[in-house]
């Protein structure tokens, strides 16, 4: 049964690395291809830091943190996955796939390839450029938070019934 969940993580890594390869092979750094201009496009960008370009150049820190995160995800998956249900296991595998996808870039190239460029027109916000791994990490965290909130509500309801 775990193979299905590991397949989710593997699919994230494969899709992430394939899309990054396409960007590196077919676009110059800084080149933008409008898809739904001006709201959505592909912009070839490199990030030597963390999310939103923080901690530029501290690659050693990212190596350590990523290894610890991957180990933690695997531990929780095998220790608590059965108790948490399908959404919990899926969230952990999205986190695993995203972490591995960006880790591969950092090891291979010393930077992460980002390329999804989104402008949110209602608030005129140019969202930070991201990639498939970043999207998987974001969705994984959202799913994990929702799972934790639902578990908290279940616990409160149990206490009320008791």
N, C-alpha and C. Protein backbone atom coordinates (compact mmCIF):
# COMPACT_ATOMS: atom_id res chain seq x y z
N UNK A 1 0.81 -1.20 0.00
CA UNK A 1 0.00 0.00 0.00
C UNK A 1 0.86 1.27 0.00
N UNK A 2 2.00 1.23 0.68
CA UNK A 2 2.89 2.39 0.70
C UNK A 2 3.42 2.74 -0.68
N UNK A 3 3.46 1.75 -1.57
CA UNK A 3 3.99 1.98 -2.92
C UNK A 3 3.19 3.04 -3.66
N UNK A 4 1.90 3.10 -3.42
CA UNK A 4 1.06 4.12 -4.07
C UNK A 4 1.50 5.51 -3.63
N UNK A 5 1.78 5.65 -2.35
CA UNK A 5 2.18 6.95 -1.83
C UNK A 5 3.59 7.32 -2.28
N UNK A 6 4.48 6.34 -2.31
CA UNK A 6 5.81 6.63 -2.83
C UNK A 6 5.75 7.00 -4.32
N UNK A 7 4.78 6.45 -5.03
CA UNK A 7 4.59 6.81 -6.44
C UNK A 7 4.20 8.29 -6.57
N UNK A 8 3.45 8.81 -5.61
CA UNK A 8 3.10 10.24 -5.62
C UNK A 8 4.37 11.07 -5.50
N UNK A 9 5.22 10.72 -4.54
CA UNK A 9 6.48 11.45 -4.37
C UNK A 9 7.35 11.34 -5.62
N UNK A 10 7.43 10.15 -6.18
CA UNK A 10 8.23 9.94 -7.39
C UNK A 10 7.68 10.74 -8.56
N UNK A 11 6.36 10.79 -8.69
CA UNK A 11 5.75 11.57 -9.78
C UNK A 11 6.07 13.05 -9.63
N UNK A 12 6.06 13.55 -8.40
CA UNK A 12 6.41 14.96 -8.17
C UNK A 12 7.85 15.21 -8.60
N UNK A 13 8.76 14.33 -8.20
CA UNK A 13 10.18 14.50 -8.54
C UNK A 13 10.37 14.45 -10.06
N UNK A 14 9.76 13.47 -10.72
CA UNK A 14 9.92 13.33 -12.17
C UNK A 14 9.35 14.55 -12.90
N UNK A 15 8.13 14.95 -12.55
CA UNK A 15 7.52 16.12 -13.20
C UNK A 15 8.34 17.38 -12.94
N UNK A 16 8.80 17.54 -11.70
CA UNK A 16 9.61 18.70 -11.34
C UNK A 16 10.90 18.74 -12.15
N UNK A 17 11.63 17.63 -12.17
CA UNK A 17 12.91 17.62 -12.88
C UNK A 17 12.73 17.73 -14.39
N UNK A 18 11.68 17.15 -14.93
CA UNK A 18 11.42 17.26 -16.37
C UNK A 18 11.11 18.70 -16.76
N UNK A 19 10.24 19.36 -16.00
CA UNK A 19 9.89 20.75 -16.35
C UNK A 19 11.10 21.67 -16.20
N UNK A 20 11.90 21.44 -15.19
CA UNK A 20 13.11 22.25 -15.01
C UNK A 20 14.10 22.00 -16.15
N UNK A 21 14.23 20.76 -16.56
CA UNK A 21 15.11 20.44 -17.68
C UNK A 21 14.66 21.17 -18.94
N UNK A 22 13.33 21.17 -19.19
CA UNK A 22 12.81 21.88 -20.36
C UNK A 22 13.14 23.37 -20.30
N UNK A 23 13.00 23.97 -19.14
CA UNK A 23 13.29 25.39 -18.98
C UNK A 23 14.77 25.67 -19.23
N UNK A 24 15.64 24.87 -18.61
CA UNK A 24 17.08 25.07 -18.77
C UNK A 24 17.50 24.86 -20.23
N UNK A 25 16.93 23.85 -20.88
CA UNK A 25 17.31 23.53 -22.26
C UNK A 25 16.79 24.53 -23.28
N UNK A 26 15.59 25.09 -23.05
CA UNK A 26 14.95 25.88 -24.10
C UNK A 26 14.81 27.38 -23.80
N UNK A 27 15.21 27.79 -22.61
CA UNK A 27 15.06 29.22 -22.27
C UNK A 27 16.35 29.77 -21.69
N UNK A 28 16.62 31.01 -21.99
CA UNK A 28 17.74 31.72 -21.37
C UNK A 28 17.28 32.24 -20.02
N UNK A 29 18.20 32.37 -19.08
CA UNK A 29 17.86 32.95 -17.78
C UNK A 29 17.32 34.35 -18.00
N UNK A 30 16.18 34.64 -17.41
CA UNK A 30 15.53 35.95 -17.57
C UNK A 30 14.52 36.00 -18.70
N UNK A 31 14.52 34.99 -19.57
CA UNK A 31 13.56 34.96 -20.67
C UNK A 31 12.18 34.62 -20.13
N UNK A 32 11.17 35.30 -20.67
CA UNK A 32 9.78 35.06 -20.25
C UNK A 32 8.93 34.72 -21.46
N UNK A 33 8.11 33.67 -21.29
CA UNK A 33 7.14 33.28 -22.30
C UNK A 33 5.76 33.51 -21.70
N UNK A 34 5.02 34.45 -22.29
CA UNK A 34 3.68 34.73 -21.79
C UNK A 34 2.72 33.61 -22.18
N UNK A 35 1.95 33.16 -21.24
CA UNK A 35 0.95 32.13 -21.51
C UNK A 35 -0.44 32.77 -21.46
N UNK A 36 -0.75 33.42 -20.38
CA UNK A 36 -1.98 34.20 -20.23
C UNK A 36 -1.57 35.60 -19.75
N UNK A 37 -0.89 36.30 -20.61
CA UNK A 37 -0.33 37.61 -20.23
C UNK A 37 -1.40 38.58 -19.77
N UNK A 38 -1.09 39.36 -18.80
CA UNK A 38 0.14 39.41 -18.00
C UNK A 38 0.06 38.57 -16.73
N UNK A 39 -0.97 37.74 -16.60
CA UNK A 39 -1.24 37.05 -15.34
C UNK A 39 -0.48 35.76 -15.12
N UNK A 40 -0.06 35.12 -16.19
CA UNK A 40 0.63 33.84 -16.04
C UNK A 40 1.62 33.67 -17.18
N UNK A 41 2.82 33.22 -16.81
CA UNK A 41 3.84 32.98 -17.82
C UNK A 41 4.94 32.10 -17.28
N UNK A 42 5.88 31.80 -18.15
CA UNK A 42 7.07 31.05 -17.77
C UNK A 42 8.24 32.00 -17.81
N UNK A 43 8.96 32.10 -16.70
CA UNK A 43 10.10 33.00 -16.58
C UNK A 43 11.27 32.22 -16.03
N UNK A 44 12.30 32.04 -16.86
CA UNK A 44 13.47 31.28 -16.45
C UNK A 44 14.25 32.06 -15.39
N UNK A 45 14.33 31.48 -14.21
CA UNK A 45 14.94 32.16 -13.06
C UNK A 45 15.74 31.13 -12.26
N UNK A 46 16.80 31.57 -11.59
CA UNK A 46 17.59 30.69 -10.72
C UNK A 46 17.59 31.28 -9.32
N UNK A 47 17.49 30.40 -8.35
CA UNK A 47 17.43 30.81 -6.95
C UNK A 47 18.51 30.06 -6.16
N UNK A 48 19.42 30.80 -5.58
CA UNK A 48 20.48 30.21 -4.76
C UNK A 48 20.13 30.25 -3.28
N UNK A 49 18.88 30.61 -2.98
CA UNK A 49 18.45 30.69 -1.59
C UNK A 49 17.26 29.80 -1.32
N UNK A 50 16.53 30.17 -0.27
CA UNK A 50 15.32 29.44 0.10
C UNK A 50 14.12 30.11 -0.56
N UNK A 51 12.95 29.84 -0.02
CA UNK A 51 11.72 30.42 -0.55
C UNK A 51 11.85 31.93 -0.64
N UNK A 52 11.38 32.47 -1.75
CA UNK A 52 11.38 33.91 -2.01
C UNK A 52 12.79 34.50 -1.98
N UNK A 53 13.79 33.66 -2.24
CA UNK A 53 15.17 34.14 -2.35
C UNK A 53 15.87 34.43 -1.03
N UNK A 54 15.29 34.00 0.07
CA UNK A 54 15.92 34.24 1.37
C UNK A 54 17.18 33.39 1.51
N UNK A 55 18.11 33.85 2.34
CA UNK A 55 19.33 33.12 2.68
C UNK A 55 20.16 32.76 1.45
N UNK A 56 20.29 33.67 0.53
CA UNK A 56 21.08 33.44 -0.68
C UNK A 56 22.50 32.99 -0.32
N UNK A 57 22.96 31.94 -0.98
CA UNK A 57 24.34 31.50 -0.85
C UNK A 57 24.65 30.63 0.36
N UNK A 58 23.70 30.28 1.17
CA UNK A 58 23.94 29.42 2.33
C UNK A 58 23.57 27.97 2.01
N UNK A 59 24.18 27.45 0.95
CA UNK A 59 23.82 26.14 0.44
C UNK A 59 24.03 25.04 1.47
N UNK A 60 25.08 25.11 2.27
CA UNK A 60 25.34 24.10 3.28
C UNK A 60 24.17 23.95 4.23
N UNK A 61 23.51 25.07 4.56
CA UNK A 61 22.36 25.04 5.46
C UNK A 61 21.19 24.29 4.81
N UNK A 62 20.99 24.52 3.51
CA UNK A 62 19.90 23.84 2.80
C UNK A 62 20.14 22.34 2.70
N UNK A 63 21.39 21.93 2.54
CA UNK A 63 21.70 20.51 2.50
C UNK A 63 21.31 19.84 3.83
N UNK A 64 21.74 20.44 4.92
CA UNK A 64 21.46 19.88 6.25
C UNK A 64 19.97 19.86 6.54
N UNK A 65 19.31 21.00 6.31
CA UNK A 65 17.87 21.09 6.59
C UNK A 65 17.09 20.11 5.74
N UNK A 66 17.44 20.00 4.47
CA UNK A 66 16.71 19.09 3.58
C UNK A 66 16.87 17.64 4.00
N UNK A 67 18.06 17.24 4.37
CA UNK A 67 18.28 15.87 4.82
C UNK A 67 17.47 15.58 6.09
N UNK A 68 17.45 16.53 7.02
CA UNK A 68 16.67 16.36 8.25
C UNK A 68 15.17 16.29 7.91
N UNK A 69 14.71 17.16 7.02
CA UNK A 69 13.29 17.17 6.63
C UNK A 69 12.91 15.84 5.96
N UNK A 70 13.72 15.36 5.05
CA UNK A 70 13.43 14.10 4.38
C UNK A 70 13.37 12.96 5.39
N UNK A 71 14.33 12.92 6.30
CA UNK A 71 14.33 11.88 7.34
C UNK A 71 13.08 11.99 8.21
N UNK A 72 12.69 13.20 8.57
CA UNK A 72 11.50 13.40 9.38
C UNK A 72 10.24 12.97 8.67
N UNK A 73 10.13 13.29 7.41
CA UNK A 73 8.95 12.89 6.62
C UNK A 73 8.86 11.37 6.56
N UNK A 74 9.97 10.72 6.26
CA UNK A 74 9.97 9.25 6.18
C UNK A 74 9.62 8.63 7.53
N UNK A 75 10.15 9.18 8.61
CA UNK A 75 9.84 8.69 9.94
C UNK A 75 8.34 8.80 10.21
N UNK A 76 7.79 9.98 10.00
CA UNK A 76 6.36 10.18 10.26
C UNK A 76 5.48 9.33 9.34
N UNK A 77 5.90 9.17 8.13
CA UNK A 77 5.13 8.36 7.19
C UNK A 77 5.04 6.92 7.69
N UNK A 78 6.17 6.36 8.10
CA UNK A 78 6.17 4.96 8.52
C UNK A 78 5.67 4.77 9.96
N UNK A 79 5.83 5.76 10.80
CA UNK A 79 5.42 5.65 12.20
C UNK A 79 3.94 6.00 12.40
N UNK A 80 3.46 7.03 11.69
CA UNK A 80 2.12 7.55 11.93
C UNK A 80 1.21 7.53 10.70
N UNK A 81 1.72 7.10 9.57
CA UNK A 81 0.96 7.15 8.32
C UNK A 81 -0.34 6.39 8.35
N UNK A 82 -0.32 5.19 8.91
CA UNK A 82 -1.53 4.37 8.95
C UNK A 82 -2.62 5.01 9.79
N UNK A 83 -2.23 5.67 10.88
CA UNK A 83 -3.19 6.31 11.77
C UNK A 83 -3.75 7.59 11.16
N UNK A 84 -2.98 8.24 10.31
CA UNK A 84 -3.36 9.54 9.79
C UNK A 84 -4.31 9.52 8.61
N UNK A 85 -4.40 8.41 7.92
CA UNK A 85 -5.30 8.33 6.78
C UNK A 85 -4.63 8.74 5.48
N UNK A 86 -5.40 8.64 4.40
CA UNK A 86 -4.89 8.85 3.05
C UNK A 86 -4.43 10.29 2.82
N UNK A 87 -5.20 11.26 3.31
CA UNK A 87 -4.82 12.67 3.09
C UNK A 87 -3.51 12.99 3.80
N UNK A 88 -3.33 12.45 5.01
CA UNK A 88 -2.09 12.65 5.76
C UNK A 88 -0.90 12.05 5.01
N UNK A 89 -1.06 10.81 4.55
CA UNK A 89 0.03 10.14 3.82
C UNK A 89 0.34 10.87 2.51
N UNK A 90 -0.71 11.32 1.82
CA UNK A 90 -0.50 12.06 0.57
C UNK A 90 0.23 13.37 0.83
N UNK A 91 -0.15 14.06 1.88
CA UNK A 91 0.53 15.34 2.19
C UNK A 91 2.01 15.11 2.46
N UNK A 92 2.34 14.05 3.19
CA UNK A 92 3.74 13.76 3.47
C UNK A 92 4.51 13.43 2.19
N UNK A 93 3.87 12.72 1.27
CA UNK A 93 4.56 12.36 0.03
C UNK A 93 4.71 13.56 -0.91
N UNK A 94 3.77 14.50 -0.87
CA UNK A 94 3.95 15.75 -1.62
C UNK A 94 5.14 16.52 -1.05
N UNK A 95 5.24 16.56 0.27
CA UNK A 95 6.38 17.22 0.91
C UNK A 95 7.69 16.52 0.55
N UNK A 96 7.67 15.19 0.57
CA UNK A 96 8.87 14.43 0.23
C UNK A 96 9.30 14.69 -1.21
N UNK A 97 8.36 14.60 -2.15
CA UNK A 97 8.68 14.83 -3.55
C UNK A 97 9.20 16.24 -3.80
N UNK A 98 8.57 17.23 -3.18
CA UNK A 98 9.02 18.61 -3.34
C UNK A 98 10.40 18.84 -2.76
N UNK A 99 10.64 18.29 -1.57
CA UNK A 99 11.96 18.45 -0.94
C UNK A 99 13.05 17.80 -1.79
N UNK A 100 12.78 16.61 -2.29
CA UNK A 100 13.77 15.91 -3.12
C UNK A 100 14.00 16.65 -4.44
N UNK A 101 12.93 17.13 -5.05
CA UNK A 101 13.06 17.85 -6.33
C UNK A 101 13.99 19.05 -6.24
N UNK A 102 13.80 19.88 -5.23
CA UNK A 102 14.68 21.05 -5.08
C UNK A 102 16.07 20.66 -4.59
N UNK A 103 16.16 19.58 -3.80
CA UNK A 103 17.45 19.10 -3.32
C UNK A 103 18.32 18.65 -4.49
N UNK A 104 17.72 17.97 -5.45
CA UNK A 104 18.46 17.53 -6.64
C UNK A 104 19.07 18.74 -7.35
N UNK A 105 18.31 19.80 -7.51
CA UNK A 105 18.84 21.01 -8.15
C UNK A 105 20.02 21.57 -7.37
N UNK A 106 19.86 21.67 -6.06
CA UNK A 106 20.92 22.26 -5.24
C UNK A 106 22.20 21.45 -5.31
N UNK A 107 22.07 20.14 -5.32
CA UNK A 107 23.26 19.29 -5.41
C UNK A 107 23.87 19.36 -6.81
N UNK A 108 23.04 19.26 -7.83
CA UNK A 108 23.52 19.24 -9.22
C UNK A 108 24.07 20.56 -9.69
N UNK A 109 23.35 21.65 -9.39
CA UNK A 109 23.68 22.95 -10.00
C UNK A 109 24.03 24.04 -8.99
N UNK A 110 23.83 23.79 -7.71
CA UNK A 110 24.10 24.82 -6.71
C UNK A 110 23.03 25.91 -6.68
N UNK A 111 21.92 25.66 -7.32
CA UNK A 111 20.80 26.60 -7.36
C UNK A 111 19.54 25.85 -7.78
N UNK A 112 18.39 26.49 -7.55
CA UNK A 112 17.12 25.88 -7.91
C UNK A 112 16.54 26.61 -9.11
N UNK A 113 16.05 25.84 -10.07
CA UNK A 113 15.42 26.41 -11.27
C UNK A 113 13.96 26.70 -10.95
N UNK A 114 13.58 27.97 -11.07
CA UNK A 114 12.19 28.40 -10.91
C UNK A 114 11.70 28.93 -12.24
N UNK A 115 10.38 28.83 -12.48
CA UNK A 115 9.91 29.26 -13.80
C UNK A 115 8.43 29.66 -13.87
N UNK A 116 7.64 29.39 -12.86
CA UNK A 116 6.22 29.73 -12.92
C UNK A 116 6.06 31.16 -12.41
N UNK A 117 5.56 32.03 -13.27
CA UNK A 117 5.41 33.46 -12.96
C UNK A 117 3.93 33.81 -12.95
N UNK A 118 3.44 34.24 -11.78
CA UNK A 118 2.01 34.52 -11.61
C UNK A 118 1.81 35.94 -11.08
N UNK A 119 0.90 36.66 -11.70
CA UNK A 119 0.49 37.97 -11.22
C UNK A 119 -0.96 37.85 -10.76
N UNK A 120 -1.22 38.23 -9.51
CA UNK A 120 -2.58 38.17 -8.98
C UNK A 120 -3.20 39.55 -9.17
N UNK A 121 -4.09 39.68 -10.17
CA UNK A 121 -4.58 41.00 -10.58
C UNK A 121 -5.43 41.73 -9.54
N UNK A 122 -6.21 41.01 -8.77
CA UNK A 122 -7.11 41.64 -7.82
C UNK A 122 -6.35 42.52 -6.83
N UNK A 123 -5.20 42.02 -6.38
CA UNK A 123 -4.40 42.78 -5.41
C UNK A 123 -3.10 43.31 -6.03
N UNK A 124 -2.95 43.11 -7.32
CA UNK A 124 -1.75 43.55 -8.05
C UNK A 124 -0.47 43.05 -7.39
N UNK A 125 -0.45 41.76 -7.14
CA UNK A 125 0.69 41.13 -6.48
C UNK A 125 1.40 40.21 -7.45
N UNK A 126 2.69 40.47 -7.65
CA UNK A 126 3.52 39.61 -8.48
C UNK A 126 4.09 38.52 -7.59
N UNK A 127 3.46 37.35 -7.63
CA UNK A 127 3.83 36.23 -6.76
C UNK A 127 5.26 35.80 -7.05
N UNK A 128 6.03 35.41 -6.03
CA UNK A 128 7.40 34.92 -6.28
C UNK A 128 7.41 33.76 -7.26
N UNK A 129 8.40 33.74 -8.13
CA UNK A 129 8.53 32.70 -9.14
C UNK A 129 8.78 31.37 -8.44
N UNK A 130 8.13 30.31 -8.93
CA UNK A 130 8.24 29.01 -8.27
C UNK A 130 8.31 27.89 -9.30
N UNK A 131 8.34 26.65 -8.81
CA UNK A 131 8.44 25.49 -9.69
C UNK A 131 7.50 24.39 -9.19
N UNK A 132 7.53 23.23 -9.81
CA UNK A 132 6.64 22.12 -9.45
C UNK A 132 6.92 21.65 -8.02
N UNK A 133 8.19 21.55 -7.64
CA UNK A 133 8.53 21.12 -6.28
C UNK A 133 7.97 22.09 -5.25
N UNK A 134 8.09 23.38 -5.52
CA UNK A 134 7.55 24.39 -4.60
C UNK A 134 6.03 24.25 -4.46
N UNK A 135 5.35 24.00 -5.59
CA UNK A 135 3.90 23.84 -5.56
C UNK A 135 3.53 22.61 -4.74
N UNK A 136 4.26 21.51 -4.91
CA UNK A 136 4.00 20.29 -4.14
C UNK A 136 4.22 20.54 -2.65
N UNK A 137 5.28 21.25 -2.32
CA UNK A 137 5.54 21.59 -0.91
C UNK A 137 4.40 22.41 -0.33
N UNK A 138 3.94 23.39 -1.09
CA UNK A 138 2.86 24.26 -0.62
C UNK A 138 1.57 23.47 -0.40
N UNK A 139 1.19 22.66 -1.39
CA UNK A 139 -0.03 21.85 -1.25
C UNK A 139 0.11 20.83 -0.12
N UNK A 140 1.31 20.26 0.03
CA UNK A 140 1.54 19.32 1.11
C UNK A 140 1.37 19.96 2.48
N UNK A 141 1.91 21.16 2.65
CA UNK A 141 1.77 21.88 3.92
C UNK A 141 0.31 22.23 4.18
N UNK A 142 -0.39 22.71 3.16
CA UNK A 142 -1.82 23.05 3.32
C UNK A 142 -2.61 21.82 3.73
N UNK A 143 -2.38 20.70 3.05
CA UNK A 143 -3.09 19.47 3.40
C UNK A 143 -2.76 19.01 4.82
N UNK A 144 -1.51 19.16 5.22
CA UNK A 144 -1.09 18.75 6.56
C UNK A 144 -1.75 19.63 7.62
N UNK A 145 -1.81 20.92 7.38
CA UNK A 145 -2.46 21.84 8.32
C UNK A 145 -3.95 21.51 8.43
N UNK A 146 -4.61 21.28 7.30
CA UNK A 146 -6.03 20.92 7.33
C UNK A 146 -6.24 19.62 8.10
N UNK A 147 -5.37 18.66 7.87
CA UNK A 147 -5.46 17.39 8.59
C UNK A 147 -5.34 17.62 10.10
N UNK A 148 -4.36 18.42 10.50
CA UNK A 148 -4.15 18.69 11.92
C UNK A 148 -5.35 19.41 12.53
N UNK A 149 -5.91 20.35 11.80
CA UNK A 149 -7.09 21.06 12.30
C UNK A 149 -8.28 20.12 12.45
N UNK A 150 -8.48 19.24 11.48
CA UNK A 150 -9.58 18.28 11.56
C UNK A 150 -9.39 17.31 12.73
N UNK A 151 -8.15 16.88 12.96
CA UNK A 151 -7.87 16.00 14.09
C UNK A 151 -8.15 16.71 15.41
N UNK A 152 -7.81 17.98 15.48
CA UNK A 152 -8.07 18.76 16.70
C UNK A 152 -9.58 18.86 16.96
N UNK A 153 -10.35 19.10 15.91
CA UNK A 153 -11.81 19.17 16.05
C UNK A 153 -12.36 17.82 16.52
N UNK A 154 -11.86 16.72 15.95
CA UNK A 154 -12.29 15.38 16.37
C UNK A 154 -12.01 15.16 17.85
N UNK A 155 -10.83 15.57 18.29
CA UNK A 155 -10.46 15.39 19.70
C UNK A 155 -11.37 16.21 20.61
N UNK A 156 -11.68 17.44 20.23
CA UNK A 156 -12.57 18.28 21.03
C UNK A 156 -13.97 17.67 21.09
N UNK A 157 -14.43 17.13 19.98
CA UNK A 157 -15.75 16.50 19.94
C UNK A 157 -15.79 15.25 20.82
N UNK A 158 -14.69 14.48 20.84
CA UNK A 158 -14.61 13.30 21.71
C UNK A 158 -14.70 13.70 23.17
N UNK A 159 -14.02 14.78 23.53
CA UNK A 159 -14.04 15.24 24.92
C UNK A 159 -15.43 15.73 25.33
N UNK A 160 -16.15 16.35 24.41
CA UNK A 160 -17.50 16.82 24.70
C UNK A 160 -18.45 15.66 24.94
N UNK A 161 -18.28 14.57 24.17
CA UNK A 161 -19.14 13.40 24.28
C UNK A 161 -18.85 12.65 25.56
N UNK A 162 -17.59 12.64 25.99
CA UNK A 162 -17.19 11.87 27.18
C UNK A 162 -17.74 12.41 28.46
